[in-house]
Amino acid sequence: MKKLFVLLLVGCAFVAFTSCKKTCTCTTYLDGAVVSTVEYDLGSYKNCAAMNTVIDLPIVGKTGMECK
């Protein structure tokens, strides 16, 4: 019974500490320079990469929002 209780505690701790991350840190770029860094909730997105809108222009540089 004691072993079962310990296994249950370990299982609960494992689930609690490996839960999914529900926020993304997004950096906004304009003409290659960082404008701001903000943390957003995932909401209906499955992952942070789905929120990316950044494009890299050869002369201007990065423009848009890059999330990790």
PDB file of N, CA and C in Angstrom:
ATOM      1  N   MET A   1       0.824  -1.196   0.000  1.00  0.00           N
ATOM      2  CA  MET A   1       0.000   0.000   0.000  1.00  0.00           C
ATOM      3  C   MET A   1       0.866   1.256   0.000  1.00  0.00           C
ATOM      4  N   LYS A   2       1.961   1.196   0.746  1.00  0.00           N
ATOM      5  CA  LYS A   2       2.859   2.347   0.819  1.00  0.00           C
ATOM      6  C   LYS A   2       3.506   2.610  -0.548  1.00  0.00           C
ATOM      7  N   LYS A   3       3.869   1.532  -1.260  1.00  0.00           N
ATOM      8  CA  LYS A   3       4.475   1.684  -2.587  1.00  0.00           C
ATOM      9  C   LYS A   3       3.485   2.285  -3.569  1.00  0.00           C
ATOM     10  N   LEU A   4       2.233   1.892  -3.472  1.00  0.00           N
ATOM     11  CA  LEU A   4       1.208   2.437  -4.345  1.00  0.00           C
ATOM     12  C   LEU A   4       1.026   3.931  -4.107  1.00  0.00           C
ATOM     13  N   PHE A   5       1.039   4.329  -2.853  1.00  0.00           N
ATOM     14  CA  PHE A   5       0.906   5.737  -2.498  1.00  0.00           C
ATOM     15  C   PHE A   5       2.085   6.547  -3.038  1.00  0.00           C
ATOM     16  N   VAL A   6       3.287   6.028  -2.910  1.00  0.00           N
ATOM     17  CA  VAL A   6       4.483   6.715  -3.413  1.00  0.00           C
ATOM     18  C   VAL A   6       4.422   6.832  -4.936  1.00  0.00           C
ATOM     19  N   LEU A   7       4.029   5.756  -5.611  1.00  0.00           N
ATOM     20  CA  LEU A   7       3.908   5.794  -7.064  1.00  0.00           C
ATOM     21  C   LEU A   7       2.859   6.813  -7.509  1.00  0.00           C
ATOM     22  N   LEU A   8       1.764   6.894  -6.778  1.00  0.00           N
ATOM     23  CA  LEU A   8       0.731   7.869  -7.092  1.00  0.00           C
ATOM     24  C   LEU A   8       1.251   9.294  -6.929  1.00  0.00           C
ATOM     25  N   LEU A   9       1.994   9.553  -5.867  1.00  0.00           N
ATOM     26  CA  LEU A   9       2.587  10.880  -5.658  1.00  0.00           C
ATOM     27  C   LEU A   9       3.579  11.240  -6.758  1.00  0.00           C
ATOM     28  N   VAL A  10       4.412  10.290  -7.131  1.00  0.00           N
ATOM     29  CA  VAL A  10       5.390  10.532  -8.194  1.00  0.00           C
ATOM     30  C   VAL A  10       4.680  10.800  -9.518  1.00  0.00           C
ATOM     31  N   GLY A  11       3.637  10.041  -9.796  1.00  0.00           N
ATOM     32  CA  GLY A  11       2.873  10.247 -11.023  1.00  0.00           C
ATOM     33  C   GLY A  11       2.223  11.621 -11.072  1.00  0.00           C
ATOM     34  N   CYS A  12       1.633  12.038  -9.973  1.00  0.00           N
ATOM     35  CA  CYS A  12       1.004  13.363  -9.910  1.00  0.00           C
ATOM     36  C   CYS A  12       2.048  14.470 -10.062  1.00  0.00           C
ATOM     37  N   ALA A  13       3.188  14.313  -9.423  1.00  0.00           N
ATOM     38  CA  ALA A  13       4.252  15.312  -9.537  1.00  0.00           C
ATOM     39  C   ALA A  13       4.753  15.399 -10.979  1.00  0.00           C
ATOM     40  N   PHE A  14       4.887  14.261 -11.644  1.00  0.00           N
ATOM     41  CA  PHE A  14       5.343  14.234 -13.030  1.00  0.00           C
ATOM     42  C   PHE A  14       4.376  15.000 -13.937  1.00  0.00           C
ATOM     43  N   VAL A  15       3.093  14.750 -13.775  1.00  0.00           N
ATOM     44  CA  VAL A  15       2.084  15.426 -14.592  1.00  0.00           C
ATOM     45  C   VAL A  15       2.067  16.929 -14.297  1.00  0.00           C
ATOM     46  N   ALA A  16       2.202  17.292 -13.037  1.00  0.00           N
ATOM     47  CA  ALA A  16       2.162  18.709 -12.654  1.00  0.00           C
ATOM     48  C   ALA A  16       3.345  19.491 -13.221  1.00  0.00           C
ATOM     49  N   PHE A  17       4.524  18.882 -13.233  1.00  0.00           N
ATOM     50  CA  PHE A  17       5.715  19.604 -13.670  1.00  0.00           C
ATOM     51  C   PHE A  17       5.983  19.509 -15.159  1.00  0.00           C
ATOM     52  N   THR A  18       5.236  18.681 -15.873  1.00  0.00           N
ATOM     53  CA  THR A  18       5.440  18.572 -17.322  1.00  0.00           C
ATOM     54  C   THR A  18       4.216  19.043 -18.086  1.00  0.00           C
ATOM     55  N   SER A  19       3.383  19.847 -17.477  1.00  0.00           N
ATOM     56  CA  SER A  19       2.199  20.340 -18.172  1.00  0.00           C
ATOM     57  C   SER A  19       2.609  21.255 -19.320  1.00  0.00           C
ATOM     58  N   CYS A  20       1.735  21.400 -20.277  1.00  0.00           N
ATOM     59  CA  CYS A  20       2.030  22.186 -21.472  1.00  0.00           C
ATOM     60  C   CYS A  20       2.158  23.668 -21.160  1.00  0.00           C
ATOM     61  N   LYS A  21       3.083  24.291 -21.868  1.00  0.00           N
ATOM     62  CA  LYS A  21       3.260  25.738 -21.756  1.00  0.00           C
ATOM     63  C   LYS A  21       2.100  26.410 -22.484  1.00  0.00           C
ATOM     64  N   LYS A  22       1.480  27.372 -21.861  1.00  0.00           N
ATOM     65  CA  LYS A  22       0.296  27.993 -22.438  1.00  0.00           C
ATOM     66  C   LYS A  22       0.514  29.443 -22.846  1.00  0.00           C
ATOM     67  N   THR A  23       1.765  29.905 -22.820  1.00  0.00           N
ATOM     68  CA  THR A  23       2.068  31.264 -23.247  1.00  0.00           C
ATOM     69  C   THR A  23       3.241  31.253 -24.223  1.00  0.00           C
ATOM     70  N   CYS A  24       3.319  32.295 -25.015  1.00  0.00           N
ATOM     71  CA  CYS A  24       4.422  32.468 -25.966  1.00  0.00           C
ATOM     72  C   CYS A  24       5.047  33.834 -25.748  1.00  0.00           C
ATOM     73  N   THR A  25       6.360  33.900 -25.901  1.00  0.00           N
ATOM     74  CA  THR A  25       7.056  35.174 -25.855  1.00  0.00           C
ATOM     75  C   THR A  25       7.277  35.624 -27.294  1.00  0.00           C
ATOM     76  N   CYS A  26       6.641  36.737 -27.651  1.00  0.00           N
ATOM     77  CA  CYS A  26       6.688  37.226 -29.027  1.00  0.00           C
ATOM     78  C   CYS A  26       7.487  38.524 -29.103  1.00  0.00           C
ATOM     79  N   THR A  27       8.384  38.579 -30.083  1.00  0.00           N
ATOM     80  CA  THR A  27       9.208  39.762 -30.315  1.00  0.00           C
ATOM     81  C   THR A  27       8.759  40.412 -31.615  1.00  0.00           C
ATOM     82  N   THR A  28       8.503  41.704 -31.560  1.00  0.00           N
ATOM     83  CA  THR A  28       8.081  42.460 -32.741  1.00  0.00           C
ATOM     84  C   THR A  28       9.284  43.169 -33.339  1.00  0.00           C
ATOM     85  N   TYR A  29       9.461  42.999 -34.655  1.00  0.00           N
ATOM     86  CA  TYR A  29      10.567  43.622 -35.379  1.00  0.00           C
ATOM     87  C   TYR A  29      10.021  44.620 -36.391  1.00  0.00           C
ATOM     88  N   LEU A  30      10.740  45.711 -36.583  1.00  0.00           N
ATOM     89  CA  LEU A  30      10.424  46.682 -37.633  1.00  0.00           C
ATOM     90  C   LEU A  30      11.743  47.149 -38.238  1.00  0.00           C
ATOM     91  N   ASP A  31      11.905  46.905 -39.505  1.00  0.00           N
ATOM     92  CA  ASP A  31      13.142  47.247 -40.227  1.00  0.00           C
ATOM     93  C   ASP A  31      14.377  46.635 -39.569  1.00  0.00           C
ATOM     94  N   GLY A  32      14.267  45.408 -39.082  1.00  0.00           N
ATOM     95  CA  GLY A  32      15.394  44.697 -38.493  1.00  0.00           C
ATOM     96  C   GLY A  32      15.669  45.010 -37.039  1.00  0.00           C
ATOM     97  N   ALA A  33      15.000  45.990 -36.466  1.00  0.00           N
ATOM     98  CA  ALA A  33      15.215  46.366 -35.066  1.00  0.00           C
ATOM     99  C   ALA A  33      14.082  45.828 -34.194  1.00  0.00           C
ATOM    100  N   VAL A  34      14.417  45.421 -32.965  1.00  0.00           N
ATOM    101  CA  VAL A  34      13.413  44.938 -32.024  1.00  0.00           C
ATOM    102  C   VAL A  34      12.605  46.116 -31.504  1.00  0.00           C
ATOM    103  N   VAL A  35      11.290  46.043 -31.656  1.00  0.00           N
ATOM    104  CA  VAL A  35      10.400  47.098 -31.186  1.00  0.00           C
ATOM    105  C   VAL A  35       9.903  46.777 -29.787  1.00  0.00           C
ATOM    106  N   SER A  36       9.453  45.538 -29.569  1.00  0.00           N
ATOM    107  CA  SER A  36       8.950  45.146 -28.252  1.00  0.00           C
ATOM    108  C   SER A  36       8.980  43.637 -28.102  1.00  0.00           C
ATOM    109  N   THR A  37       8.917  43.185 -26.854  1.00  0.00           N
ATOM    110  CA  THR A  37       8.796  41.770 -26.534  1.00  0.00           C
ATOM    111  C   THR A  37       7.654  41.627 -25.544  1.00  0.00           C
ATOM    112  N   VAL A  38       6.662  40.814 -25.916  1.00  0.00           N
ATOM    113  CA  VAL A  38       5.442  40.672 -25.122  1.00  0.00           C
ATOM    114  C   VAL A  38       5.114  39.188 -24.980  1.00  0.00           C
ATOM    115  N   GLU A  39       4.493  38.818 -23.867  1.00  0.00           N
ATOM    116  CA  GLU A  39       4.061  37.441 -23.652  1.00  0.00           C
ATOM    117  C   GLU A  39       2.561  37.349 -23.916  1.00  0.00           C
ATOM    118  N   TYR A  40       2.161  36.387 -24.782  1.00  0.00           N
ATOM    119  CA  TYR A  40       0.770  36.197 -25.158  1.00  0.00           C
ATOM    120  C   TYR A  40       0.305  34.804 -24.746  1.00  0.00           C
ATOM    121  N   ASP A  41      -1.001  34.662 -24.487  1.00  0.00           N
ATOM    122  CA  ASP A  41      -1.599  33.349 -24.274  1.00  0.00           C
ATOM    123  C   ASP A  41      -1.757  32.668 -25.624  1.00  0.00           C
ATOM    124  N   LEU A  42      -1.629  31.349 -25.647  1.00  0.00           N
ATOM    125  CA  LEU A  42      -1.779  30.610 -26.893  1.00  0.00           C
ATOM    126  C   LEU A  42      -3.191  30.729 -27.458  1.00  0.00           C
ATOM    127  N   GLY A  43      -4.188  30.742 -26.612  1.00  0.00           N
ATOM    128  CA  GLY A  43      -5.565  30.834 -27.089  1.00  0.00           C
ATOM    129  C   GLY A  43      -5.922  29.643 -27.959  1.00  0.00           C
ATOM    130  N   SER A  44      -6.345  29.885 -29.177  1.00  0.00           N
ATOM    131  CA  SER A  44      -6.757  28.805 -30.079  1.00  0.00           C
ATOM    132  C   SER A  44      -5.592  28.226 -30.886  1.00  0.00           C
ATOM    133  N   TYR A  45      -4.398  28.799 -30.759  1.00  0.00           N
ATOM    134  CA  TYR A  45      -3.232  28.286 -31.493  1.00  0.00           C
ATOM    135  C   TYR A  45      -2.692  27.025 -30.826  1.00  0.00           C
ATOM    136  N   LYS A  46      -2.160  26.106 -31.632  1.00  0.00           N
ATOM    137  CA  LYS A  46      -1.606  24.861 -31.093  1.00  0.00           C
ATOM    138  C   LYS A  46      -0.187  25.034 -30.579  1.00  0.00           C
ATOM    139  N   ASN A  47       0.570  25.946 -31.187  1.00  0.00           N
ATOM    140  CA  ASN A  47       1.945  26.190 -30.747  1.00  0.00           C
ATOM    141  C   ASN A  47       2.333  27.633 -31.062  1.00  0.00           C
ATOM    142  N   CYS A  48       3.472  28.025 -30.558  1.00  0.00           N
ATOM    143  CA  CYS A  48       3.917  29.415 -30.720  1.00  0.00           C
ATOM    144  C   CYS A  48       4.263  29.748 -32.171  1.00  0.00           C
ATOM    145  N   ALA A  49       4.789  28.788 -32.897  1.00  0.00           N
ATOM    146  CA  ALA A  49       5.189  29.045 -34.285  1.00  0.00           C
ATOM    147  C   ALA A  49       4.000  29.435 -35.158  1.00  0.00           C
ATOM    148  N   ALA A  50       2.797  29.018 -34.788  1.00  0.00           N
ATOM    149  CA  ALA A  50       1.606  29.358 -35.566  1.00  0.00           C
ATOM    150  C   ALA A  50       1.281  30.851 -35.474  1.00  0.00           C
ATOM    151  N   MET A  51       1.847  31.540 -34.490  1.00  0.00           N
ATOM    152  CA  MET A  51       1.585  32.969 -34.312  1.00  0.00           C
ATOM    153  C   MET A  51       2.592  33.845 -35.064  1.00  0.00           C
ATOM    154  N   ASN A  52       3.619  33.238 -35.668  1.00  0.00           N
ATOM    155  CA  ASN A  52       4.655  34.009 -36.364  1.00  0.00           C
ATOM    156  C   ASN A  52       4.102  34.718 -37.596  1.00  0.00           C
ATOM    157  N   THR A  53       4.507  35.976 -37.751  1.00  0.00           N
ATOM    158  CA  THR A  53       4.154  36.744 -38.952  1.00  0.00           C
ATOM    159  C   THR A  53       5.384  37.449 -39.515  1.00  0.00           C
ATOM    160  N   VAL A  54       6.567  37.031 -39.113  1.00  0.00           N
ATOM    161  CA  VAL A  54       7.794  37.725 -39.488  1.00  0.00           C
ATOM    162  C   VAL A  54       8.216  37.364 -40.920  1.00  0.00           C
ATOM    163  N   ILE A  55       8.682  38.377 -41.650  1.00  0.00           N
ATOM    164  CA  ILE A  55       9.301  38.161 -42.959  1.00  0.00           C
ATOM    165  C   ILE A  55      10.670  38.830 -42.933  1.00  0.00           C
ATOM    166  N   ASP A  56      11.597  38.270 -43.669  1.00  0.00           N
ATOM    167  CA  ASP A  56      12.957  38.808 -43.699  1.00  0.00           C
ATOM    168  C   ASP A  56      13.216  39.373 -45.090  1.00  0.00           C
ATOM    169  N   LEU A  57      13.254  40.692 -45.184  1.00  0.00           N
ATOM    170  CA  LEU A  57      13.486  41.355 -46.461  1.00  0.00           C
ATOM    171  C   LEU A  57      14.976  41.633 -46.630  1.00  0.00           C
ATOM    172  N   PRO A  58      15.533  41.411 -47.819  1.00  0.00           N
ATOM    173  CA  PRO A  58      16.976  41.535 -48.031  1.00  0.00           C
ATOM    174  C   PRO A  58      17.561  42.903 -47.658  1.00  0.00           C
ATOM    175  N   ILE A  59      16.925  43.973 -48.011  1.00  0.00           N
ATOM    176  CA  ILE A  59      17.482  45.300 -47.763  1.00  0.00           C
ATOM    177  C   ILE A  59      17.055  45.842 -46.409  1.00  0.00           C
ATOM    178  N   VAL A  60      15.811  45.607 -46.036  1.00  0.00           N
ATOM    179  CA  VAL A  60      15.233  46.193 -44.827  1.00  0.00           C
ATOM    180  C   VAL A  60      15.556  45.371 -43.568  1.00  0.00           C
ATOM    181  N   GLY A  61      15.462  44.076 -43.626  1.00  0.00           N
ATOM    182  CA  GLY A  61      15.659  43.204 -42.471  1.00  0.00           C
ATOM    183  C   GLY A  61      14.338  42.602 -42.016  1.00  0.00           C
ATOM    184  N   LYS A  62      14.331  42.075 -40.794  1.00  0.00           N
ATOM    185  CA  LYS A  62      13.128  41.446 -40.264  1.00  0.00           C
ATOM    186  C   LYS A  62      12.031  42.456 -40.010  1.00  0.00           C
ATOM    187  N   THR A  63      10.803  42.063 -40.346  1.00  0.00           N
ATOM    188  CA  THR A  63       9.619  42.864 -40.059  1.00  0.00           C
ATOM    189  C   THR A  63       8.493  41.903 -39.689  1.00  0.00           C
ATOM    190  N   GLY A  64       7.819  42.161 -38.580  1.00  0.00           N
ATOM    191  CA  GLY A  64       6.709  41.314 -38.151  1.00  0.00           C
ATOM    192  C   GLY A  64       6.879  40.858 -36.719  1.00  0.00           C
ATOM    193  N   MET A  65       6.191  39.757 -36.363  1.00  0.00           N
ATOM    194  CA  MET A  65       6.214  39.233 -35.001  1.00  0.00           C
ATOM    195  C   MET A  65       6.706  37.790 -35.024  1.00  0.00           C
ATOM    196  N   GLU A  66       7.709  37.493 -34.195  1.00  0.00           N
ATOM    197  CA  GLU A  66       8.299  36.162 -34.100  1.00  0.00           C
ATOM    198  C   GLU A  66       8.048  35.639 -32.688  1.00  0.00           C
ATOM    199  N   CYS A  67       7.405  34.476 -32.590  1.00  0.00           N
ATOM    200  CA  CYS A  67       7.030  33.929 -31.276  1.00  0.00           C
ATOM    201  C   CYS A  67       7.774  32.627 -30.992  1.00  0.00           C
ATOM    202  N   LYS A  68       8.141  32.476 -29.713  1.00  0.00           N
ATOM    203  CA  LYS A  68       8.843  31.267 -29.253  1.00  0.00           C
ATOM    204  C   LYS A  68       8.209  30.780 -27.991  1.00  0.00           C
TER     205      LYS A  68
END
